[in-house]
Amino acid sequence: MLGGLLLPLEIYPEWLRRIALASPFSSLMYGPARMAFGLDWELAAMVALRMATWLVLVACFTVWIYRRALRALEVSGG
């Protein structure tokens, strides 16, 4: 629902639109779908920047979880 494919984000209430735009789903679905109707370079740059930001955040979170799991790992024998 928050991706913007079923309902355009413009019809959401303002508070829900802010949440939807902050989620990675709007960058993955709504941005490319909106550009299908006409290429807007400003929108393309904004979508690419949001995707890159989410990529960095997810990568950092994954590394943090991996390092935390390695500290908790107890290897016995072997």
N, C-alpha and C. Protein backbone atom coordinates (compact mmCIF):
# COMPACT_ATOMS: atom_id res chain seq x y z
N MET A 1 0.82 -1.20 0.00
CA MET A 1 0.00 0.00 0.00
C MET A 1 0.86 1.26 0.00
N LEU A 2 1.98 1.23 0.71
CA LEU A 2 2.79 2.45 0.80
C LEU A 2 3.74 2.60 -0.37
N GLY A 3 3.73 1.64 -1.30
CA GLY A 3 4.62 1.73 -2.45
C GLY A 3 4.15 2.73 -3.49
N GLY A 4 2.86 2.97 -3.56
CA GLY A 4 2.34 3.95 -4.49
C GLY A 4 1.89 3.38 -5.83
N LEU A 5 1.90 2.06 -5.98
CA LEU A 5 1.45 1.50 -7.25
C LEU A 5 -0.06 1.37 -7.32
N LEU A 6 -0.68 0.97 -6.23
CA LEU A 6 -2.14 0.82 -6.24
C LEU A 6 -2.84 2.17 -6.17
N LEU A 7 -2.36 3.02 -5.31
CA LEU A 7 -2.91 4.36 -5.16
C LEU A 7 -1.76 5.36 -5.25
N PRO A 8 -1.89 6.39 -6.07
CA PRO A 8 -0.82 7.39 -6.13
C PRO A 8 -0.61 8.06 -4.77
N LEU A 9 0.62 8.38 -4.48
CA LEU A 9 0.93 8.97 -3.18
C LEU A 9 0.31 10.35 -3.00
N GLU A 10 -0.06 11.00 -4.09
CA GLU A 10 -0.65 12.33 -3.98
C GLU A 10 -2.03 12.32 -3.33
N ILE A 11 -2.73 11.17 -3.33
CA ILE A 11 -4.07 11.15 -2.74
C ILE A 11 -4.05 10.75 -1.27
N TYR A 12 -2.88 10.36 -0.76
CA TYR A 12 -2.78 10.01 0.66
C TYR A 12 -2.85 11.28 1.50
N PRO A 13 -3.30 11.16 2.74
CA PRO A 13 -3.21 12.31 3.65
C PRO A 13 -1.74 12.70 3.84
N GLU A 14 -1.50 13.94 4.19
CA GLU A 14 -0.12 14.46 4.29
C GLU A 14 0.76 13.63 5.22
N TRP A 15 0.25 13.25 6.38
CA TRP A 15 1.06 12.49 7.35
C TRP A 15 1.42 11.11 6.80
N LEU A 16 0.50 10.48 6.08
CA LEU A 16 0.77 9.16 5.51
C LEU A 16 1.67 9.27 4.28
N ARG A 17 1.55 10.35 3.54
CA ARG A 17 2.41 10.57 2.38
C ARG A 17 3.86 10.73 2.82
N ARG A 18 4.11 11.43 3.92
CA ARG A 18 5.48 11.58 4.43
C ARG A 18 6.08 10.24 4.82
N ILE A 19 5.27 9.42 5.47
CA ILE A 19 5.74 8.08 5.86
C ILE A 19 6.03 7.25 4.62
N ALA A 20 5.14 7.29 3.65
CA ALA A 20 5.31 6.50 2.43
C ALA A 20 6.54 6.96 1.65
N LEU A 21 6.78 8.25 1.57
CA LEU A 21 7.94 8.75 0.84
C LEU A 21 9.24 8.43 1.56
N ALA A 22 9.19 8.27 2.88
CA ALA A 22 10.40 7.93 3.63
C ALA A 22 10.72 6.44 3.54
N SER A 23 9.76 5.64 3.14
CA SER A 23 9.99 4.19 3.06
C SER A 23 10.74 3.86 1.77
N PRO A 24 11.42 2.73 1.74
CA PRO A 24 12.14 2.36 0.52
C PRO A 24 11.20 1.94 -0.61
N PHE A 25 9.96 1.63 -0.29
CA PHE A 25 9.02 1.15 -1.29
C PHE A 25 8.65 2.21 -2.31
N SER A 26 8.59 3.45 -1.89
CA SER A 26 8.26 4.51 -2.85
C SER A 26 9.38 4.69 -3.86
N SER A 27 10.63 4.50 -3.44
CA SER A 27 11.75 4.61 -4.37
C SER A 27 11.80 3.43 -5.32
N LEU A 28 11.41 2.27 -4.84
CA LEU A 28 11.49 1.08 -5.67
C LEU A 28 10.32 0.95 -6.63
N MET A 29 9.14 1.41 -6.23
CA MET A 29 7.95 1.20 -7.06
C MET A 29 7.38 2.49 -7.62
N TYR A 30 7.13 3.46 -6.77
CA TYR A 30 6.42 4.66 -7.20
C TYR A 30 7.26 5.52 -8.13
N GLY A 31 8.53 5.70 -7.80
CA GLY A 31 9.39 6.54 -8.63
C GLY A 31 9.52 6.03 -10.05
N PRO A 32 9.93 4.77 -10.25
CA PRO A 32 10.02 4.25 -11.61
C PRO A 32 8.67 4.21 -12.33
N ALA A 33 7.60 3.89 -11.61
CA ALA A 33 6.29 3.86 -12.26
C ALA A 33 5.87 5.26 -12.69
N ARG A 34 6.18 6.26 -11.92
CA ARG A 34 5.83 7.63 -12.28
C ARG A 34 6.64 8.09 -13.49
N MET A 35 7.89 7.65 -13.58
CA MET A 35 8.73 8.03 -14.71
C MET A 35 8.33 7.32 -16.00
N ALA A 36 7.52 6.28 -15.90
CA ALA A 36 7.06 5.59 -17.10
C ALA A 36 6.16 6.48 -17.95
N PHE A 37 5.57 7.49 -17.34
CA PHE A 37 4.68 8.40 -18.06
C PHE A 37 5.41 9.61 -18.63
N GLY A 38 6.67 9.71 -18.35
CA GLY A 38 7.48 10.82 -18.86
C GLY A 38 8.72 10.97 -18.00
N LEU A 39 9.87 11.00 -18.65
CA LEU A 39 11.12 11.08 -17.92
C LEU A 39 11.34 12.48 -17.39
N ASP A 40 11.48 12.55 -16.09
CA ASP A 40 11.79 13.81 -15.42
C ASP A 40 13.14 13.61 -14.75
N TRP A 41 14.16 14.33 -15.22
CA TRP A 41 15.52 14.12 -14.71
C TRP A 41 15.64 14.45 -13.24
N GLU A 42 14.90 15.42 -12.77
CA GLU A 42 14.95 15.78 -11.34
C GLU A 42 14.37 14.64 -10.49
N LEU A 43 13.27 14.07 -10.94
CA LEU A 43 12.67 12.94 -10.24
C LEU A 43 13.60 11.72 -10.30
N ALA A 44 14.22 11.50 -11.45
CA ALA A 44 15.14 10.36 -11.59
C ALA A 44 16.32 10.51 -10.64
N ALA A 45 16.86 11.70 -10.51
CA ALA A 45 17.98 11.92 -9.59
C ALA A 45 17.54 11.73 -8.14
N MET A 46 16.34 12.20 -7.81
CA MET A 46 15.85 12.05 -6.44
C MET A 46 15.61 10.58 -6.12
N VAL A 47 15.05 9.83 -7.05
CA VAL A 47 14.81 8.40 -6.83
C VAL A 47 16.13 7.66 -6.68
N ALA A 48 17.11 7.99 -7.53
CA ALA A 48 18.42 7.35 -7.44
C ALA A 48 19.10 7.67 -6.12
N LEU A 49 18.98 8.90 -5.65
CA LEU A 49 19.57 9.28 -4.37
C LEU A 49 18.91 8.55 -3.21
N ARG A 50 17.59 8.44 -3.26
CA ARG A 50 16.89 7.71 -2.20
C ARG A 50 17.25 6.23 -2.21
N MET A 51 17.37 5.64 -3.40
CA MET A 51 17.75 4.23 -3.50
C MET A 51 19.17 4.02 -2.96
N ALA A 52 20.08 4.93 -3.30
CA ALA A 52 21.45 4.82 -2.81
C ALA A 52 21.50 4.98 -1.29
N THR A 53 20.69 5.88 -0.76
CA THR A 53 20.64 6.07 0.69
C THR A 53 20.14 4.82 1.38
N TRP A 54 19.08 4.21 0.87
CA TRP A 54 18.57 2.98 1.46
C TRP A 54 19.57 1.84 1.32
N LEU A 55 20.29 1.80 0.22
CA LEU A 55 21.30 0.77 0.03
C LEU A 55 22.40 0.89 1.08
N VAL A 56 22.86 2.10 1.33
CA VAL A 56 23.89 2.32 2.35
C VAL A 56 23.35 1.97 3.74
N LEU A 57 22.14 2.38 4.05
CA LEU A 57 21.56 2.07 5.37
C LEU A 57 21.40 0.57 5.58
N VAL A 58 20.90 -0.12 4.59
CA VAL A 58 20.70 -1.57 4.71
C VAL A 58 22.05 -2.29 4.79
N ALA A 59 23.03 -1.83 4.03
CA ALA A 59 24.36 -2.44 4.07
C ALA A 59 25.00 -2.24 5.45
N CYS A 60 24.90 -1.06 6.01
CA CYS A 60 25.45 -0.80 7.34
C CYS A 60 24.74 -1.64 8.39
N PHE A 61 23.44 -1.75 8.30
CA PHE A 61 22.68 -2.56 9.25
C PHE A 61 23.06 -4.03 9.14
N THR A 62 23.26 -4.51 7.92
CA THR A 62 23.64 -5.90 7.70
C THR A 62 25.02 -6.18 8.28
N VAL A 63 25.96 -5.28 8.07
CA VAL A 63 27.31 -5.46 8.64
C VAL A 63 27.24 -5.44 10.15
N TRP A 64 26.45 -4.55 10.72
CA TRP A 64 26.32 -4.48 12.17
C TRP A 64 25.75 -5.78 12.73
N ILE A 65 24.70 -6.30 12.11
CA ILE A 65 24.09 -7.56 12.56
C ILE A 65 25.09 -8.70 12.42
N TYR A 66 25.83 -8.75 11.33
CA TYR A 66 26.80 -9.82 11.10
C TYR A 66 27.90 -9.79 12.17
N ARG A 67 28.42 -8.61 12.46
CA ARG A 67 29.47 -8.51 13.49
C ARG A 67 28.94 -8.86 14.87
N ARG A 68 27.74 -8.46 15.14
CA ARG A 68 27.13 -8.80 16.43
C ARG A 68 26.91 -10.31 16.55
N ALA A 69 26.51 -10.93 15.46
CA ALA A 69 26.31 -12.37 15.45
C ALA A 69 27.64 -13.11 15.62
N LEU A 70 28.70 -12.59 15.01
CA LEU A 70 30.01 -13.23 15.17
C LEU A 70 30.49 -13.18 16.61
N ARG A 71 30.21 -12.10 17.31
CA ARG A 71 30.59 -12.01 18.73
C ARG A 71 29.81 -12.99 19.59
N ALA A 72 28.58 -13.24 19.21
CA ALA A 72 27.73 -14.15 19.99
C ALA A 72 27.95 -15.61 19.61
N LEU A 73 28.60 -15.85 18.49
CA LEU A 73 28.81 -17.21 18.01
C LEU A 73 29.82 -17.94 18.89
N GLU A 74 29.48 -19.12 19.27
CA GLU A 74 30.39 -19.95 20.05
C GLU A 74 30.64 -21.23 19.27
N VAL A 75 31.87 -21.38 18.81
CA VAL A 75 32.23 -22.56 18.03
C VAL A 75 32.90 -23.56 18.96
N SER A 76 32.37 -24.77 18.94
CA SER A 76 32.90 -25.80 19.82
C SER A 76 33.56 -26.91 18.99
N GLY A 77 34.86 -27.01 19.12
CA GLY A 77 35.58 -28.12 18.49
C GLY A 77 35.54 -28.08 16.98
N GLY A 78 36.03 -29.14 16.39
CA GLY A 78 35.90 -29.21 15.09
C GLY A 78 36.46 -29.47 13.90
